[in-house]
N, C-alpha and C. Protein backbone atom coordinates (compact mmCIF):
# COMPACT_ATOMS: atom_id res chain seq x y z
N UNK A 1 344.71 105.46 93.62
CA UNK A 1 345.71 105.60 92.58
C UNK A 1 345.25 105.01 91.26
N UNK A 2 344.55 103.84 91.30
CA UNK A 2 344.00 103.25 90.09
C UNK A 2 342.58 102.78 90.35
N UNK A 3 341.83 102.74 89.28
CA UNK A 3 340.49 102.15 89.29
C UNK A 3 340.48 101.03 88.27
N UNK A 4 339.60 100.06 88.47
CA UNK A 4 339.49 98.95 87.53
C UNK A 4 338.18 99.03 86.77
N UNK A 5 338.25 98.64 85.52
CA UNK A 5 337.03 98.45 84.73
C UNK A 5 337.20 97.14 83.98
N UNK A 6 336.10 96.53 83.59
CA UNK A 6 336.18 95.27 82.86
C UNK A 6 336.94 95.47 81.55
N UNK A 7 337.78 94.51 81.24
CA UNK A 7 338.56 94.52 80.01
C UNK A 7 337.63 94.34 78.82
N UNK A 8 337.88 95.10 77.76
CA UNK A 8 337.13 94.97 76.51
C UNK A 8 338.11 94.79 75.35
N UNK A 9 337.59 94.40 74.22
CA UNK A 9 338.42 94.23 73.04
C UNK A 9 339.13 95.54 72.68
N UNK A 10 338.46 96.67 72.86
CA UNK A 10 339.10 97.96 72.57
C UNK A 10 340.36 98.15 73.43
N UNK A 11 340.36 97.63 74.66
CA UNK A 11 341.55 97.72 75.52
C UNK A 11 342.68 96.83 75.02
N UNK A 12 342.34 95.85 74.20
CA UNK A 12 343.35 94.94 73.67
C UNK A 12 344.40 95.67 72.85
N UNK A 13 344.02 96.74 72.19
CA UNK A 13 344.99 97.51 71.40
C UNK A 13 346.07 98.09 72.31
N UNK A 14 345.69 98.43 73.53
CA UNK A 14 346.68 98.93 74.49
C UNK A 14 347.67 97.83 74.84
N UNK A 15 347.16 96.62 75.10
CA UNK A 15 348.06 95.50 75.42
C UNK A 15 349.06 95.28 74.29
N UNK A 16 348.56 95.29 73.07
CA UNK A 16 349.43 95.08 71.92
C UNK A 16 350.51 96.16 71.84
N UNK A 17 350.16 97.38 72.20
CA UNK A 17 351.13 98.48 72.17
C UNK A 17 352.13 98.38 73.33
N UNK A 18 351.70 97.86 74.48
CA UNK A 18 352.55 97.78 75.66
C UNK A 18 353.57 96.65 75.57
N UNK A 19 353.26 95.62 74.78
CA UNK A 19 354.15 94.47 74.65
C UNK A 19 354.99 94.69 73.39
N UNK A 20 356.29 94.89 73.60
CA UNK A 20 357.13 95.39 72.52
C UNK A 20 357.82 94.32 71.68
N UNK A 21 357.75 93.07 72.07
CA UNK A 21 358.42 92.03 71.29
C UNK A 21 358.09 90.65 71.79
N UNK A 22 358.58 89.62 71.11
CA UNK A 22 358.22 88.25 71.48
C UNK A 22 358.70 87.84 72.87
N UNK A 23 359.86 88.30 73.31
CA UNK A 23 360.34 87.93 74.65
C UNK A 23 359.48 88.60 75.72
N UNK A 24 359.13 89.87 75.53
CA UNK A 24 358.27 90.54 76.49
C UNK A 24 356.88 89.90 76.52
N UNK A 25 356.37 89.50 75.35
CA UNK A 25 355.08 88.80 75.31
C UNK A 25 355.16 87.50 76.09
N UNK A 26 356.24 86.74 75.89
CA UNK A 26 356.44 85.49 76.61
C UNK A 26 356.50 85.73 78.12
N UNK A 27 357.28 86.75 78.51
CA UNK A 27 357.44 87.05 79.94
C UNK A 27 356.09 87.43 80.55
N UNK A 28 355.23 88.08 79.79
CA UNK A 28 353.93 88.50 80.28
C UNK A 28 352.91 87.37 80.31
N UNK A 29 352.89 86.55 79.27
CA UNK A 29 351.77 85.61 79.13
C UNK A 29 352.16 84.16 78.95
N UNK A 30 353.47 83.86 78.97
CA UNK A 30 353.87 82.48 78.73
C UNK A 30 353.41 82.02 77.36
N UNK A 31 352.82 80.85 77.30
CA UNK A 31 352.39 80.27 76.03
C UNK A 31 350.98 80.67 75.63
N UNK A 32 350.35 81.58 76.37
CA UNK A 32 348.96 81.93 76.12
C UNK A 32 348.75 82.64 74.79
N UNK A 33 349.74 83.44 74.39
CA UNK A 33 349.64 84.20 73.15
C UNK A 33 350.88 83.96 72.32
N UNK A 34 350.79 84.28 71.03
CA UNK A 34 351.97 84.19 70.17
C UNK A 34 352.22 85.55 69.52
N UNK A 35 353.48 85.75 69.19
CA UNK A 35 353.90 87.01 68.57
C UNK A 35 353.67 86.95 67.07
N UNK A 36 353.15 88.00 66.48
CA UNK A 36 352.73 89.25 67.11
C UNK A 36 351.33 89.11 67.70
N UNK A 37 351.08 89.85 68.77
CA UNK A 37 349.78 89.84 69.42
C UNK A 37 348.80 90.54 68.48
N UNK A 38 347.86 89.79 67.93
CA UNK A 38 346.98 90.34 66.90
C UNK A 38 345.52 90.40 67.34
N UNK A 39 344.71 90.98 66.48
CA UNK A 39 343.28 91.21 66.77
C UNK A 39 342.54 89.90 67.07
N UNK A 40 342.85 88.83 66.36
CA UNK A 40 342.16 87.56 66.59
C UNK A 40 342.44 87.02 68.00
N UNK A 41 343.70 87.04 68.41
CA UNK A 41 344.05 86.56 69.76
C UNK A 41 343.38 87.43 70.82
N UNK A 42 343.39 88.74 70.60
CA UNK A 42 342.78 89.66 71.56
C UNK A 42 341.27 89.47 71.62
N UNK A 43 340.64 89.20 70.48
CA UNK A 43 339.19 88.96 70.46
C UNK A 43 338.84 87.69 71.25
N UNK A 44 339.65 86.64 71.08
CA UNK A 44 339.43 85.41 71.83
C UNK A 44 339.61 85.64 73.33
N UNK A 45 340.61 86.42 73.68
CA UNK A 45 340.87 86.74 75.08
C UNK A 45 339.73 87.56 75.67
N UNK A 46 339.24 88.55 74.92
CA UNK A 46 338.12 89.37 75.39
C UNK A 46 336.87 88.51 75.56
N UNK A 47 336.65 87.57 74.65
CA UNK A 47 335.49 86.68 74.76
C UNK A 47 335.61 85.79 76.00
N UNK A 48 336.80 85.24 76.24
CA UNK A 48 337.02 84.41 77.43
C UNK A 48 336.83 85.24 78.69
N UNK A 49 337.25 86.49 78.65
CA UNK A 49 337.14 87.37 79.82
C UNK A 49 335.70 87.74 80.14
N UNK A 50 334.80 87.49 79.21
CA UNK A 50 333.38 87.77 79.44
C UNK A 50 332.64 86.54 79.96
N UNK A 51 333.37 85.49 80.31
CA UNK A 51 332.75 84.27 80.84
C UNK A 51 333.06 84.16 82.33
N UNK A 52 332.39 83.26 83.04
CA UNK A 52 332.70 83.06 84.46
C UNK A 52 334.08 82.43 84.71
N UNK A 53 334.74 81.97 83.66
CA UNK A 53 336.03 81.31 83.82
C UNK A 53 337.19 82.28 84.02
N UNK A 54 337.04 83.53 83.58
CA UNK A 54 338.11 84.51 83.70
C UNK A 54 337.51 85.89 83.88
N UNK A 55 338.10 86.64 84.80
CA UNK A 55 337.80 88.07 84.95
C UNK A 55 339.05 88.82 84.59
N UNK A 56 338.91 89.80 83.72
CA UNK A 56 340.05 90.61 83.29
C UNK A 56 339.68 92.07 83.42
N UNK A 57 340.67 92.86 83.82
CA UNK A 57 340.43 94.28 84.06
C UNK A 57 341.49 95.14 83.38
N UNK A 58 341.09 96.35 83.07
CA UNK A 58 342.01 97.40 82.66
C UNK A 58 342.07 98.37 83.82
N UNK A 59 343.27 98.72 84.22
CA UNK A 59 343.45 99.68 85.31
C UNK A 59 343.57 101.09 84.71
N UNK A 60 342.89 102.03 85.35
CA UNK A 60 342.88 103.42 84.89
C UNK A 60 343.40 104.34 85.97
N UNK A 61 344.10 105.35 85.55
CA UNK A 61 344.52 106.43 86.44
C UNK A 61 343.42 107.47 86.41
N UNK A 62 342.64 107.61 87.49
CA UNK A 62 341.52 108.55 87.45
C UNK A 62 341.96 110.01 87.29
N UNK A 63 343.13 110.33 87.78
CA UNK A 63 343.62 111.71 87.65
C UNK A 63 344.00 112.03 86.21
N UNK A 64 344.69 111.09 85.56
CA UNK A 64 345.14 111.32 84.20
C UNK A 64 344.16 110.85 83.14
N UNK A 65 343.20 110.02 83.55
CA UNK A 65 342.19 109.54 82.62
C UNK A 65 342.70 108.59 81.56
N UNK A 66 343.78 107.87 81.85
CA UNK A 66 344.28 106.94 80.85
C UNK A 66 344.56 105.57 81.45
N UNK A 67 344.58 104.58 80.57
CA UNK A 67 344.85 103.22 81.00
C UNK A 67 346.31 103.10 81.43
N UNK A 68 346.53 102.39 82.54
CA UNK A 68 347.88 102.23 83.06
C UNK A 68 348.25 100.77 83.33
N UNK A 69 347.31 99.84 83.17
CA UNK A 69 347.65 98.46 83.45
C UNK A 69 346.55 97.48 83.09
N UNK A 70 346.88 96.22 83.28
CA UNK A 70 345.95 95.13 82.98
C UNK A 70 346.26 93.95 83.90
N UNK A 71 345.23 93.22 84.29
CA UNK A 71 345.40 91.99 85.07
C UNK A 71 344.17 91.12 84.91
N UNK A 72 344.33 89.84 85.18
CA UNK A 72 343.19 88.93 85.10
C UNK A 72 343.29 87.87 86.19
N UNK A 73 342.15 87.24 86.44
CA UNK A 73 342.08 86.10 87.35
C UNK A 73 341.30 85.00 86.64
N UNK A 74 341.95 83.85 86.48
CA UNK A 74 341.26 82.66 85.98
C UNK A 74 340.60 82.01 87.18
N UNK A 75 339.31 81.75 87.10
CA UNK A 75 338.51 81.31 88.24
C UNK A 75 338.22 79.82 88.17
N UNK A 76 338.42 79.14 89.30
CA UNK A 76 338.00 77.76 89.48
C UNK A 76 336.95 77.78 90.59
N UNK A 77 335.70 77.97 90.20
CA UNK A 77 334.62 78.13 91.18
C UNK A 77 334.46 76.90 92.05
N UNK A 78 334.66 75.72 91.48
CA UNK A 78 334.49 74.48 92.25
C UNK A 78 335.49 74.40 93.40
N UNK A 79 336.67 74.96 93.23
CA UNK A 79 337.70 74.94 94.26
C UNK A 79 337.77 76.26 95.03
N UNK A 80 336.93 77.22 94.67
CA UNK A 80 336.95 78.56 95.28
C UNK A 80 338.36 79.16 95.22
N UNK A 81 339.00 78.95 94.07
CA UNK A 81 340.35 79.47 93.91
C UNK A 81 340.48 80.17 92.56
N UNK A 82 341.55 80.89 92.43
CA UNK A 82 341.80 81.58 91.18
C UNK A 82 343.29 81.70 90.94
N UNK A 83 343.62 82.09 89.72
CA UNK A 83 345.02 82.27 89.34
C UNK A 83 345.17 83.66 88.76
N UNK A 84 345.91 84.48 89.50
CA UNK A 84 346.22 85.83 89.04
C UNK A 84 347.22 85.73 87.91
N UNK A 85 346.99 86.47 86.84
CA UNK A 85 347.92 86.39 85.73
C UNK A 85 347.77 87.56 84.78
N UNK A 86 348.62 87.54 83.80
CA UNK A 86 348.62 88.55 82.75
C UNK A 86 348.66 89.96 83.32
N UNK A 87 349.45 90.11 84.36
CA UNK A 87 349.62 91.42 85.01
C UNK A 87 350.62 92.21 84.17
N UNK A 88 350.18 93.38 83.71
CA UNK A 88 351.02 94.20 82.84
C UNK A 88 350.77 95.66 83.17
N UNK A 89 351.84 96.41 83.31
CA UNK A 89 351.75 97.86 83.56
C UNK A 89 352.24 98.58 82.31
N UNK A 90 351.54 99.62 81.93
CA UNK A 90 351.93 100.43 80.78
C UNK A 90 353.36 100.91 80.96
N UNK A 91 354.16 100.90 79.89
CA UNK A 91 355.58 101.29 80.02
C UNK A 91 355.78 102.64 80.72
N UNK A 92 354.97 103.62 80.43
CA UNK A 92 355.15 104.95 81.03
C UNK A 92 354.71 105.01 82.49
N UNK A 93 354.03 103.97 82.97
CA UNK A 93 353.56 103.95 84.36
C UNK A 93 354.39 103.04 85.25
N UNK A 94 355.38 102.37 84.69
CA UNK A 94 356.20 101.43 85.48
C UNK A 94 357.06 102.16 86.49
N UNK A 95 357.25 101.51 87.65
CA UNK A 95 358.08 102.08 88.70
C UNK A 95 357.39 103.15 89.52
N UNK A 96 356.06 103.26 89.40
CA UNK A 96 355.30 104.31 90.10
C UNK A 96 354.26 103.74 91.06
N UNK A 97 354.34 102.45 91.36
CA UNK A 97 353.41 101.84 92.31
C UNK A 97 352.10 101.37 91.68
N UNK A 98 351.98 101.49 90.37
CA UNK A 98 350.74 101.09 89.70
C UNK A 98 350.51 99.58 89.84
N UNK A 99 351.56 98.78 89.67
CA UNK A 99 351.40 97.33 89.75
C UNK A 99 350.86 96.88 91.10
N UNK A 100 351.39 97.44 92.17
CA UNK A 100 350.92 97.07 93.51
C UNK A 100 349.48 97.53 93.74
N UNK A 101 349.17 98.76 93.34
CA UNK A 101 347.82 99.29 93.53
C UNK A 101 346.81 98.49 92.71
N UNK A 102 347.15 98.20 91.46
CA UNK A 102 346.26 97.44 90.60
C UNK A 102 346.06 96.02 91.15
N UNK A 103 347.15 95.36 91.53
CA UNK A 103 347.05 94.00 92.04
C UNK A 103 346.23 93.94 93.32
N UNK A 104 346.39 94.93 94.19
CA UNK A 104 345.60 94.97 95.42
C UNK A 104 344.12 95.11 95.09
N UNK A 105 343.78 95.94 94.12
CA UNK A 105 342.37 96.08 93.70
C UNK A 105 341.84 94.76 93.16
N UNK A 106 342.64 94.10 92.32
CA UNK A 106 342.23 92.83 91.74
C UNK A 106 342.00 91.80 92.85
N UNK A 107 342.91 91.74 93.82
CA UNK A 107 342.73 90.81 94.94
C UNK A 107 341.49 91.14 95.75
N UNK A 108 341.18 92.43 95.89
CA UNK A 108 339.94 92.82 96.56
C UNK A 108 338.73 92.22 95.85
N UNK A 109 338.73 92.25 94.53
CA UNK A 109 337.64 91.64 93.76
C UNK A 109 337.64 90.12 93.92
N UNK A 110 338.86 89.52 93.86
CA UNK A 110 338.96 88.06 93.94
C UNK A 110 338.42 87.54 95.26
N UNK A 111 338.81 88.18 96.37
CA UNK A 111 338.37 87.71 97.68
C UNK A 111 337.00 88.28 98.06
N UNK A 112 336.58 89.31 97.37
CA UNK A 112 335.28 89.93 97.62
C UNK A 112 334.20 89.34 96.73
N UNK A 113 333.90 90.02 95.65
CA UNK A 113 332.78 89.61 94.79
C UNK A 113 332.92 88.22 94.18
N UNK A 114 334.15 87.77 93.91
CA UNK A 114 334.32 86.44 93.34
C UNK A 114 334.28 85.35 94.40
N UNK A 115 334.44 85.70 95.67
CA UNK A 115 334.33 84.76 96.77
C UNK A 115 335.41 83.69 96.82
N UNK A 116 336.59 84.01 96.31
CA UNK A 116 337.66 83.02 96.31
C UNK A 116 338.29 82.88 97.69
N UNK A 117 338.78 81.68 97.98
CA UNK A 117 339.46 81.40 99.24
C UNK A 117 340.98 81.42 99.08
N UNK A 118 341.43 81.28 97.84
CA UNK A 118 342.87 81.20 97.57
C UNK A 118 343.13 81.75 96.18
N UNK A 119 344.22 82.51 96.06
CA UNK A 119 344.67 83.00 94.75
C UNK A 119 346.12 82.58 94.58
N UNK A 120 346.39 81.98 93.44
CA UNK A 120 347.74 81.53 93.11
C UNK A 120 348.26 82.35 91.94
N UNK A 121 349.55 82.26 91.71
CA UNK A 121 350.14 82.89 90.54
C UNK A 121 351.46 82.21 90.23
N UNK A 122 351.91 82.42 89.03
CA UNK A 122 353.24 81.98 88.62
C UNK A 122 354.00 83.19 88.13
N UNK A 123 355.24 83.30 88.52
CA UNK A 123 356.07 84.42 88.09
C UNK A 123 357.45 83.86 87.75
N UNK A 124 358.01 84.33 86.64
CA UNK A 124 359.35 83.87 86.27
C UNK A 124 360.31 84.24 87.39
N UNK A 125 361.16 83.31 87.77
CA UNK A 125 361.99 83.52 88.96
C UNK A 125 363.06 84.60 88.81
N UNK A 126 363.28 85.09 87.60
CA UNK A 126 364.23 86.19 87.42
C UNK A 126 363.55 87.56 87.43
N UNK A 127 362.25 87.58 87.68
CA UNK A 127 361.51 88.84 87.72
C UNK A 127 361.43 89.32 89.18
N UNK A 128 362.56 89.79 89.69
CA UNK A 128 362.64 90.16 91.10
C UNK A 128 361.70 91.30 91.48
N UNK A 129 361.46 92.23 90.59
CA UNK A 129 360.54 93.34 90.88
C UNK A 129 359.13 92.82 91.13
N UNK A 130 358.66 91.91 90.27
CA UNK A 130 357.32 91.34 90.46
C UNK A 130 357.26 90.48 91.72
N UNK A 131 358.30 89.71 91.99
CA UNK A 131 358.31 88.87 93.19
C UNK A 131 358.19 89.73 94.44
N UNK A 132 358.94 90.83 94.50
CA UNK A 132 358.84 91.74 95.65
C UNK A 132 357.42 92.32 95.77
N UNK A 133 356.83 92.67 94.65
CA UNK A 133 355.46 93.21 94.66
C UNK A 133 354.51 92.18 95.26
N UNK A 134 354.58 90.94 94.77
CA UNK A 134 353.66 89.91 95.25
C UNK A 134 353.90 89.57 96.72
N UNK A 135 355.16 89.52 97.13
CA UNK A 135 355.44 89.29 98.55
C UNK A 135 354.89 90.43 99.40
N UNK A 136 354.97 91.65 98.91
CA UNK A 136 354.43 92.79 99.63
C UNK A 136 352.92 92.73 99.79
N UNK A 137 352.25 92.03 98.88
CA UNK A 137 350.80 91.84 98.97
C UNK A 137 350.43 90.66 99.86
N UNK A 138 351.43 89.89 100.30
CA UNK A 138 351.18 88.77 101.19
C UNK A 138 351.36 87.40 100.57
N UNK A 139 351.67 87.33 99.27
CA UNK A 139 351.90 86.03 98.64
C UNK A 139 353.14 85.36 99.22
N UNK A 140 353.10 84.04 99.29
CA UNK A 140 354.24 83.25 99.73
C UNK A 140 354.60 82.26 98.63
N UNK A 141 355.88 81.92 98.56
CA UNK A 141 356.34 80.96 97.56
C UNK A 141 355.98 79.55 98.01
N UNK A 142 355.28 78.83 97.16
CA UNK A 142 354.95 77.43 97.43
C UNK A 142 356.04 76.51 96.92
N UNK A 143 356.55 76.80 95.73
CA UNK A 143 357.64 76.02 95.14
C UNK A 143 358.11 76.68 93.85
N UNK A 144 359.25 76.22 93.37
CA UNK A 144 359.80 76.73 92.11
C UNK A 144 359.88 75.56 91.13
N UNK A 145 359.35 75.78 89.95
CA UNK A 145 359.45 74.80 88.87
C UNK A 145 360.69 75.16 88.06
N UNK A 146 361.73 74.37 88.20
CA UNK A 146 363.02 74.66 87.58
C UNK A 146 363.02 74.28 86.10
N UNK A 147 363.53 75.20 85.30
CA UNK A 147 363.76 74.95 83.88
C UNK A 147 362.56 74.32 83.19
N UNK A 148 361.41 74.96 83.35
CA UNK A 148 360.17 74.40 82.80
C UNK A 148 360.10 74.50 81.29
N UNK A 149 360.82 75.46 80.72
CA UNK A 149 360.77 75.64 79.27
C UNK A 149 362.01 76.39 78.79
N UNK A 150 362.35 76.17 77.55
CA UNK A 150 363.41 76.96 76.90
C UNK A 150 362.73 77.85 75.88
N UNK A 151 363.08 79.13 75.94
CA UNK A 151 362.53 80.10 75.00
C UNK A 151 363.56 81.20 74.81
N UNK A 152 363.71 81.64 73.58
CA UNK A 152 364.64 82.73 73.25
C UNK A 152 366.05 82.44 73.75
N UNK A 153 366.45 81.16 73.63
CA UNK A 153 367.80 80.79 74.00
C UNK A 153 368.08 80.73 75.49
N UNK A 154 367.03 80.70 76.28
CA UNK A 154 367.21 80.70 77.74
C UNK A 154 366.27 79.69 78.38
N UNK A 155 366.70 79.18 79.52
CA UNK A 155 365.87 78.28 80.31
C UNK A 155 365.09 79.11 81.31
N UNK A 156 363.78 78.87 81.40
CA UNK A 156 362.91 79.66 82.28
C UNK A 156 362.44 78.80 83.45
N UNK A 157 362.54 79.36 84.66
CA UNK A 157 362.03 78.71 85.88
C UNK A 157 360.91 79.57 86.44
N UNK A 158 359.87 78.92 86.96
CA UNK A 158 358.69 79.64 87.42
C UNK A 158 358.46 79.44 88.91
N UNK A 159 358.36 80.54 89.64
CA UNK A 159 358.02 80.51 91.05
C UNK A 159 356.49 80.47 91.17
N UNK A 160 356.00 79.51 91.93
CA UNK A 160 354.56 79.39 92.18
C UNK A 160 354.27 79.97 93.55
N UNK A 161 353.36 80.94 93.60
CA UNK A 161 353.06 81.64 94.85
C UNK A 161 351.56 81.56 95.12
N UNK A 162 351.19 81.76 96.39
CA UNK A 162 349.77 81.75 96.73
C UNK A 162 349.48 82.70 97.89
N UNK A 163 348.21 83.05 97.98
CA UNK A 163 347.71 83.92 99.04
C UNK A 163 346.31 83.43 99.41
N UNK A 164 346.07 83.25 100.70
CA UNK A 164 344.74 82.82 101.14
C UNK A 164 343.90 84.02 101.53
N UNK A 165 342.60 83.79 101.53
CA UNK A 165 341.68 84.83 101.98
C UNK A 165 342.00 85.24 103.42
N UNK A 166 342.32 84.27 104.27
CA UNK A 166 342.62 84.57 105.67
C UNK A 166 343.84 85.49 105.78
N UNK A 167 344.89 85.19 105.02
CA UNK A 167 346.08 86.04 105.06
C UNK A 167 345.78 87.43 104.52
N UNK A 168 345.00 87.49 103.45
CA UNK A 168 344.61 88.78 102.87
C UNK A 168 343.79 89.59 103.87
N UNK A 169 342.83 88.93 104.50
CA UNK A 169 341.97 89.60 105.47
C UNK A 169 342.75 90.10 106.69
N UNK A 170 343.78 89.32 107.05
CA UNK A 170 344.61 89.72 108.20
C UNK A 170 345.52 90.88 107.86
N UNK A 171 345.57 91.23 106.56
CA UNK A 171 346.36 92.38 106.15
C UNK A 171 347.85 92.15 106.21
N UNK A 172 348.28 90.90 105.91
CA UNK A 172 349.70 90.61 105.99
C UNK A 172 350.50 91.31 104.92
N UNK A 173 349.86 91.71 103.84
CA UNK A 173 350.58 92.39 102.77
C UNK A 173 350.65 93.89 102.99
N UNK A 174 351.75 94.49 102.58
CA UNK A 174 351.91 95.93 102.74
C UNK A 174 351.46 96.69 101.52
N UNK A 175 351.02 95.97 100.48
CA UNK A 175 350.68 96.64 99.23
C UNK A 175 349.30 97.23 99.17
N UNK A 176 348.60 97.32 100.31
CA UNK A 176 347.26 97.91 100.24
C UNK A 176 346.99 98.84 101.39
């Protein structure tokens, strides 16, 4: 359903187009970026993505030949762990299984070529669609950080989830 290619600065223009406002940017990236998402921030992100500290991908629909998503993994090689983040599906591709397919591919890379033993993530606790997706891939909730920040007049709580290589290998997730 999707293929992954390494994220480039040219793909950054897609991210900027997919994120429609400051609240959506916050929901996608937390404090990593500021609104408006501009060329300088995207250039820094692309440069970071070209280092061993982060792998970032653009997901493509091979049938349609267009970009449909983005995801990254921040790598901690010393701990053989990573943090899945910045998962974003193009607005026109949402609700079509792209997020699950893309995330499964990313996890394949994380547990495969990157050699990670554990992948963690944080998801806002009101994002029930994303939580179901991650649970379907085998992630489990480790804990919830209540009211970690106030933004846009609201208090945000973050669910911290994780998936081990053993659980992934056992195929506990239905998303692949």
